[in-house]
């Protein structure tokens, strides 16, 4: 069974829901409660692991190398991503309530995430595996 169409429908519905929900939040009576604003506020405070996660996903989906540095292990990069993001979450939760991450550090976290997603958790090499032929 080909699940490609089902996955595309689920992704399309999710994106449509997020867009419509964001529009609804923009036009309601509460200021600064859109999804974009909340994620930005969280990322600049205790949940700065979000910046690294976006970088990792960007490097994973849109960049990538044909030969990942960890070889053909499909599980190891995922485990390392989970461990890394949990460690960043724990570090963030231990910060004071007035903590604000500097923009330079945010940029560094984003770049490091893109590098990890590109070199370690690449999706591009999947075309060369026999499981898809």
Protein backbone atom coordinates (compact mmCIF):
# COMPACT_ATOMS: atom_id res chain seq x y z
CA UNK A 1 0.00 0.00 0.00
CA UNK A 2 1.28 3.43 -0.93
CA UNK A 3 1.05 5.77 2.04
CA UNK A 4 2.43 8.79 0.18
CA UNK A 5 -0.99 10.29 -0.49
CA UNK A 6 -2.12 9.75 3.11
CA UNK A 7 1.01 11.46 4.45
CA UNK A 8 0.55 14.38 2.04
CA UNK A 9 -3.08 14.81 3.13
CA UNK A 10 -2.16 14.75 6.83
CA UNK A 11 0.64 17.28 6.29
CA UNK A 12 -1.64 19.52 4.21
CA UNK A 13 -4.41 19.45 6.83
CA UNK A 14 -1.91 20.22 9.60
CA UNK A 15 -0.44 23.18 7.72
CA UNK A 16 -3.90 24.50 6.84
CA UNK A 17 -4.99 24.19 10.48
CA UNK A 18 -1.92 26.09 11.70
CA UNK A 19 -2.46 28.88 9.17
CA UNK A 20 -6.17 29.25 9.96
CA UNK A 21 -5.55 29.06 13.72
CA UNK A 22 -2.83 31.70 13.45
CA UNK A 23 -5.17 33.99 11.48
CA UNK A 24 -7.88 33.50 14.12
CA UNK A 25 -5.46 34.35 16.92
CA UNK A 26 -4.25 37.42 15.06
CA UNK A 27 -7.73 38.89 14.82
CA UNK A 28 -8.97 38.08 18.33
CA UNK A 29 -8.94 40.62 21.18
CA UNK A 30 -5.77 39.33 22.89
CA UNK A 31 -2.53 40.92 21.71
CA UNK A 32 0.60 38.89 20.95
CA UNK A 33 -0.99 35.47 21.22
CA UNK A 34 -0.28 34.12 17.73
CA UNK A 35 1.61 30.87 17.34
CA UNK A 36 4.57 32.72 15.82
CA UNK A 37 4.84 35.16 18.71
CA UNK A 38 4.52 32.48 21.38
CA UNK A 39 7.17 30.24 19.83
CA UNK A 40 9.54 33.21 19.48
CA UNK A 41 8.98 34.21 23.12
CA UNK A 42 9.52 30.64 24.32
CA UNK A 43 12.70 30.28 22.25
CA UNK A 44 14.21 33.47 23.66
CA UNK A 45 13.57 32.38 27.23
CA UNK A 46 13.70 28.94 28.82
CA UNK A 47 12.84 26.88 25.74
CA UNK A 48 15.81 27.83 23.55
CA UNK A 49 16.09 24.17 22.49
CA UNK A 50 13.40 25.09 19.92
CA UNK A 51 15.96 27.07 17.92
CA UNK A 52 18.26 24.07 17.73
CA UNK A 53 15.35 21.79 16.84
CA UNK A 54 14.32 24.04 13.92
CA UNK A 55 17.93 24.06 12.70
CA UNK A 56 18.18 20.28 12.92
CA UNK A 57 14.92 19.81 11.03
CA UNK A 58 15.99 22.32 8.38
CA UNK A 59 19.32 20.57 7.83
CA UNK A 60 17.63 17.18 7.87
CA UNK A 61 14.86 17.91 5.37
CA UNK A 62 16.30 20.56 3.05
CA UNK A 63 20.04 19.99 3.05
CA UNK A 64 21.88 16.78 3.68
CA UNK A 65 24.81 14.76 2.55
CA UNK A 66 24.75 11.52 0.61
CA UNK A 67 27.04 9.88 3.16
CA UNK A 68 26.15 10.84 6.75
CA UNK A 69 29.07 10.96 9.18
CA UNK A 70 27.56 8.23 11.37
CA UNK A 71 27.19 5.85 8.44
CA UNK A 72 24.02 3.95 7.60
CA UNK A 73 22.82 3.79 11.22
CA UNK A 74 19.26 5.07 11.06
CA UNK A 75 18.64 5.02 14.81
CA UNK A 76 21.83 6.61 16.22
CA UNK A 77 21.31 10.18 14.89
CA UNK A 78 17.72 10.17 16.16
CA UNK A 79 18.81 9.06 19.63
CA UNK A 80 21.50 11.77 19.67
CA UNK A 81 18.93 14.41 18.63
CA UNK A 82 16.60 13.39 21.46
CA UNK A 83 19.44 13.41 24.02
CA UNK A 84 20.71 16.78 22.79
CA UNK A 85 17.30 18.45 22.86
CA UNK A 86 16.43 17.02 26.29
CA UNK A 87 19.77 18.29 27.62
CA UNK A 88 19.06 21.77 26.22
CA UNK A 89 15.55 21.67 27.70
CA UNK A 90 16.90 20.76 31.14
CA UNK A 91 19.50 23.54 30.94
CA UNK A 92 16.79 26.00 29.93
CA UNK A 93 14.43 24.96 32.71
CA UNK A 94 17.16 25.59 35.29
CA UNK A 95 17.46 29.25 34.24
CA UNK A 96 15.96 32.13 36.19
CA UNK A 97 12.49 33.33 35.20
CA UNK A 98 14.00 36.57 33.84
CA UNK A 99 16.48 34.74 31.61
CA UNK A 100 16.66 35.95 28.00
CA UNK A 101 18.88 34.22 25.45
CA UNK A 102 21.05 36.58 23.40
CA UNK A 103 20.50 36.71 19.65
CA UNK A 104 24.08 35.68 18.91
CA UNK A 105 23.65 32.52 20.95
CA UNK A 106 20.31 31.85 19.20
CA UNK A 107 22.04 32.16 15.84
CA UNK A 108 24.80 29.81 16.99
CA UNK A 109 22.23 27.25 18.18
CA UNK A 110 20.44 27.47 14.83
CA UNK A 111 23.66 27.04 12.85
CA UNK A 112 24.79 24.10 15.00
CA UNK A 113 21.38 22.50 14.49
CA UNK A 114 21.61 22.91 10.71
CA UNK A 115 25.11 21.40 10.75
CA UNK A 116 23.88 18.42 12.76
CA UNK A 117 20.86 17.91 10.51
CA UNK A 118 23.05 18.22 7.40
CA UNK A 119 25.99 16.00 8.32
CA UNK A 120 24.70 13.57 10.95
CA UNK A 121 20.96 13.12 10.34
CA UNK A 122 20.78 13.52 6.59
CA UNK A 123 17.73 12.42 4.67
CA UNK A 124 19.34 12.60 1.25
CA UNK A 125 21.16 9.29 1.54
CA UNK A 126 17.87 7.38 1.73
CA UNK A 127 17.56 7.47 -2.08
CA UNK A 128 20.64 5.30 -2.32
CA UNK A 129 19.46 2.55 0.00
CA UNK A 130 17.91 -0.58 -1.46
CA UNK A 131 14.84 -0.47 0.78
CA UNK A 132 13.15 2.09 -1.47
CA UNK A 133 13.71 0.25 -4.76
